Amino acid sequence: MDNESTNTVTQEPNTEVQDTHDNTNSTTDTSTHSADTANTTEQTTGAPDRYDFTSLLGEGESIDEQNAEAFGEILRNIGVSQEGAEQIAKFGMGYLQTMGDALLNHIDGLQEAQSETWKEETVKELGSNFDTTIAKAGAGIEYLEKDIPNLREVLMMNGIGNNVALVKAFATIGDLVAEDTGRLSGQGSGSGVNFYDNTNFDVYRMK
């Protein structure tokens, strides 16, 4: 009887040790599963800590870091990968370029139309004095070129040189310097070419 009691008491601690070992394995398995789940989530989202858009920049171009970071924060919140972010950014840049070109073309069209309107108004207002006034205005522009070398480029930029008010103003200056020999014939210190020689007013003069 004593031997049986001793054996029974001895076996009980073994059972407890086994139970502790099983609990430890269960805890380890749970931790491993949680880590695997976290890794799977990270792989699914693929969102980096910081997006790099430098591959989209041309030589000499730079990126606004503040805007790039704000854009990156939005992408990161929805789990966009680096590759996805580059594709979105490339599309956005292309779209903005297209819209910008369309806007510039529209502005150019408006400026061209305005220039033609100025031509027509100038022809109508000057009437029979058109040729004389245009010659004097050209001389006035040539005279001013001594102090304003890029005057012609500015006047041609949006056709503002065809505005009748400016034509009259330049003609007045041309009158003031007309006593300078050869000025009205295009001679002098300027380019020697009347600014209006390359401006076609004929379509409006024939009306």
Protein backbone atom coordinates (compact mmCIF):
# COMPACT_ATOMS: atom_id res chain seq x y z
CA MET A 1 0.00 0.00 0.00
CA ASP A 2 2.78 2.46 0.80
CA ASN A 3 4.41 1.87 -2.57
CA GLU A 4 1.20 2.51 -4.45
CA SER A 5 0.61 5.79 -2.60
CA THR A 6 4.13 6.94 -3.40
CA ASN A 7 3.71 6.21 -7.10
CA THR A 8 0.44 8.06 -7.25
CA VAL A 9 1.86 11.20 -5.65
CA THR A 10 4.86 11.13 -7.95
CA GLN A 11 2.77 11.09 -11.13
CA GLU A 12 0.73 14.20 -10.34
CA PRO A 13 3.58 16.76 -10.78
CA ASN A 14 4.33 15.25 -14.20
CA THR A 15 0.81 16.04 -15.32
CA GLU A 16 1.14 19.68 -14.19
CA VAL A 17 4.43 20.12 -16.02
CA GLN A 18 2.85 18.80 -19.19
CA ASP A 19 -0.05 21.22 -18.83
CA THR A 20 2.34 24.16 -18.38
CA HIS A 21 4.27 23.10 -21.48
CA ASP A 22 1.06 22.93 -23.49
CA ASN A 23 0.03 26.43 -22.34
CA THR A 24 3.44 27.81 -23.31
CA ASN A 25 3.12 26.33 -26.79
CA SER A 26 -0.37 27.79 -27.12
CA THR A 27 0.87 31.27 -26.19
CA THR A 28 3.78 30.98 -28.62
CA ASP A 29 1.46 29.87 -31.42
CA THR A 30 -0.84 32.83 -30.77
CA SER A 31 2.06 35.31 -30.86
CA THR A 32 3.38 33.81 -34.07
CA HIS A 33 -0.06 33.99 -35.66
CA SER A 34 -0.37 37.68 -34.70
CA ALA A 35 3.04 38.46 -36.21
CA ASP A 36 2.13 36.61 -39.40
CA THR A 37 -1.11 38.56 -39.62
CA ALA A 38 0.76 41.85 -39.21
CA ASN A 39 3.25 40.87 -41.89
CA THR A 40 0.45 39.85 -44.24
CA THR A 41 -1.30 43.19 -43.69
CA GLU A 42 1.92 45.10 -44.38
CA GLN A 43 2.52 43.11 -47.56
CA THR A 44 -1.06 43.74 -48.67
CA THR A 45 -0.95 47.51 -48.22
CA GLY A 46 2.62 47.95 -49.46
CA ALA A 47 2.61 51.60 -48.37
CA PRO A 48 6.17 52.85 -47.68
CA ASP A 49 7.03 55.22 -44.86
CA ARG A 50 7.97 57.83 -47.46
CA TYR A 51 7.23 58.03 -51.18
CA ASP A 52 9.96 58.84 -53.68
CA PHE A 53 8.86 60.77 -56.78
CA THR A 54 12.32 61.78 -58.04
CA SER A 55 12.15 59.26 -60.90
CA LEU A 56 9.38 61.36 -62.45
CA LEU A 57 11.45 64.54 -62.54
CA GLY A 58 13.36 65.71 -65.57
CA GLU A 59 16.87 67.11 -65.55
CA GLY A 60 17.07 70.29 -63.50
CA GLU A 61 13.55 69.85 -62.10
CA SER A 62 12.76 69.81 -58.39
CA ILE A 63 9.77 68.82 -56.27
CA ASP A 64 7.92 70.78 -53.62
CA GLU A 65 8.64 68.70 -50.52
CA GLN A 66 5.67 70.04 -48.57
CA ASN A 67 3.17 69.19 -51.29
CA ALA A 68 4.84 65.84 -51.93
CA GLU A 69 4.56 64.95 -48.25
CA ALA A 70 0.88 65.96 -48.12
CA PHE A 71 0.19 63.92 -51.26
CA GLY A 72 2.11 60.99 -49.79
CA GLU A 73 0.09 61.12 -46.58
CA ILE A 74 -3.14 60.72 -48.56
CA LEU A 75 -1.71 57.78 -50.51
CA ARG A 76 -0.34 56.17 -47.37
CA ASN A 77 -3.73 56.32 -45.65
CA ILE A 78 -5.31 54.27 -48.43
CA GLY A 79 -2.39 51.85 -48.64
CA VAL A 80 -0.99 52.79 -52.07
CA SER A 81 2.37 51.20 -52.92
CA GLN A 82 5.39 53.11 -54.27
CA GLU A 83 4.70 51.84 -57.77
CA GLY A 84 1.04 52.82 -57.54
CA ALA A 85 1.96 56.26 -56.23
CA GLU A 86 4.29 56.83 -59.20
CA GLN A 87 1.55 55.85 -61.65
CA ILE A 88 -0.96 58.17 -60.00
CA ALA A 89 1.55 61.03 -59.91
CA LYS A 90 2.51 60.47 -63.56
CA PHE A 91 -1.14 60.56 -64.62
CA GLY A 92 -1.73 63.71 -62.59
CA MET A 93 1.30 65.47 -64.06
CA GLY A 94 0.26 64.51 -67.59
CA TYR A 95 -3.26 65.74 -66.99
CA LEU A 96 -2.04 69.06 -65.62
CA GLN A 97 0.30 69.47 -68.60
CA THR A 98 -2.58 68.83 -71.02
CA MET A 99 -4.83 71.28 -69.21
CA GLY A 100 -2.03 73.85 -69.08
CA ASP A 101 -1.38 73.55 -72.81
CA ALA A 102 -5.09 73.89 -73.54
CA LEU A 103 -5.28 77.00 -71.38
CA LEU A 104 -2.27 78.58 -73.08
CA ASN A 105 -3.72 77.82 -76.50
CA HIS A 106 -6.97 79.41 -75.43
CA ILE A 107 -5.15 82.51 -74.19
CA ASP A 108 -3.16 82.70 -77.44
CA GLY A 109 -6.40 82.51 -79.38
CA LEU A 110 -7.93 85.31 -77.34
CA GLN A 111 -4.84 87.47 -77.78
CA GLU A 112 -4.79 86.87 -81.52
CA ALA A 113 -8.46 87.79 -81.77
CA GLN A 114 -7.85 90.92 -79.71
CA SER A 115 -4.94 91.90 -81.91
CA GLU A 116 -7.11 91.60 -85.01
CA THR A 117 -9.80 93.70 -83.34
CA TRP A 118 -7.22 96.41 -82.60
CA LYS A 119 -6.08 96.35 -86.25
CA GLU A 120 -9.62 96.88 -87.48
CA GLU A 121 -10.28 99.69 -85.00
CA THR A 122 -7.00 101.41 -85.96
CA VAL A 123 -7.80 101.32 -89.68
CA LYS A 124 -11.32 102.68 -89.13
CA GLU A 125 -10.30 105.46 -86.76
CA LEU A 126 -7.30 106.69 -88.74
CA GLY A 127 -9.17 106.63 -92.02
CA SER A 128 -7.41 108.60 -94.75
CA ASN A 129 -4.57 109.45 -92.36
CA PHE A 130 -3.71 105.78 -91.89
CA ASP A 131 -0.52 105.63 -93.99
CA THR A 132 0.93 108.87 -92.61
CA THR A 133 0.11 108.00 -89.01
CA ILE A 134 1.54 104.48 -89.29
CA ALA A 135 4.78 105.88 -90.79
CA LYS A 136 5.13 108.35 -87.92
CA ALA A 137 4.30 105.68 -85.33
CA GLY A 138 6.98 103.41 -86.78
CA ALA A 139 9.48 106.26 -86.57
CA GLY A 140 8.48 106.89 -82.96
CA ILE A 141 9.05 103.25 -82.04
CA GLU A 142 12.42 103.25 -83.79
CA TYR A 143 13.44 106.36 -81.85
CA LEU A 144 12.43 104.81 -78.50
CA GLU A 145 14.42 101.66 -79.24
CA LYS A 146 17.59 103.53 -78.33
CA ASP A 147 16.51 103.43 -74.68
CA ILE A 148 14.16 100.42 -74.84
CA PRO A 149 15.96 97.76 -76.94
CA ASN A 150 13.23 95.11 -76.55
CA LEU A 151 10.33 97.45 -77.32
CA ARG A 152 9.37 95.66 -80.54
CA GLU A 153 9.24 92.27 -78.81
CA VAL A 154 6.95 93.68 -76.12
CA LEU A 155 4.61 95.25 -78.67
CA MET A 156 4.49 92.03 -80.71
CA MET A 157 3.99 89.76 -77.72
CA ASN A 158 0.21 90.12 -77.64
CA GLY A 159 -0.38 92.45 -80.56
CA ILE A 160 -0.80 95.48 -78.35
CA GLY A 161 1.25 97.54 -80.80
CA ASN A 162 -1.83 97.53 -83.04
CA ASN A 163 -3.92 99.36 -80.44
CA VAL A 164 -4.98 102.70 -81.94
CA ALA A 165 -4.18 104.59 -78.75
CA LEU A 166 -0.58 103.36 -78.83
CA VAL A 167 -0.32 103.96 -82.59
CA LYS A 168 -1.32 107.58 -82.04
CA ALA A 169 1.08 107.93 -79.11
CA PHE A 170 4.00 106.59 -81.13
CA ALA A 171 2.97 108.82 -84.06
CA THR A 172 3.15 111.85 -81.77
CA ILE A 173 6.69 110.86 -80.78
CA GLY A 174 7.47 110.36 -84.46
CA ASP A 175 6.27 113.92 -85.15
CA LEU A 176 8.57 115.28 -82.45
CA VAL A 177 11.63 113.66 -83.99
CA ALA A 178 10.58 114.12 -87.64
CA GLU A 179 13.07 116.95 -88.13
CA ASP A 180 15.80 114.34 -87.76
CA THR A 181 16.79 113.69 -91.40
CA GLY A 182 15.61 110.38 -92.79
CA ARG A 183 13.72 109.39 -89.67
CA LEU A 184 10.36 108.82 -91.38
CA SER A 185 11.99 106.83 -94.17
CA GLY A 186 13.31 104.36 -91.62
CA GLN A 187 16.86 105.71 -91.31
CA GLY A 188 18.54 106.51 -88.02
CA SER A 189 19.82 104.90 -84.86
CA GLY A 190 17.09 102.26 -84.61
CA SER A 191 16.73 99.02 -86.54
CA GLY A 192 15.94 100.83 -89.79
CA VAL A 193 12.72 98.84 -90.26
CA ASN A 194 9.31 100.32 -89.57
CA PHE A 195 7.61 98.25 -86.87
CA TYR A 196 4.39 98.14 -88.87
CA ASP A 197 5.96 96.95 -92.12
CA ASN A 198 5.23 93.36 -91.15
CA THR A 199 1.72 94.09 -89.90
CA ASN A 200 -1.02 93.25 -92.38
CA PHE A 201 -3.81 95.83 -92.21
CA ASP A 202 -4.97 95.21 -95.79
CA VAL A 203 -7.94 93.01 -94.94
CA TYR A 204 -9.43 95.86 -92.93
CA ARG A 205 -8.47 98.64 -95.33
CA MET A 206 -10.36 96.96 -98.16
CA LYS A 207 -13.66 97.01 -96.27
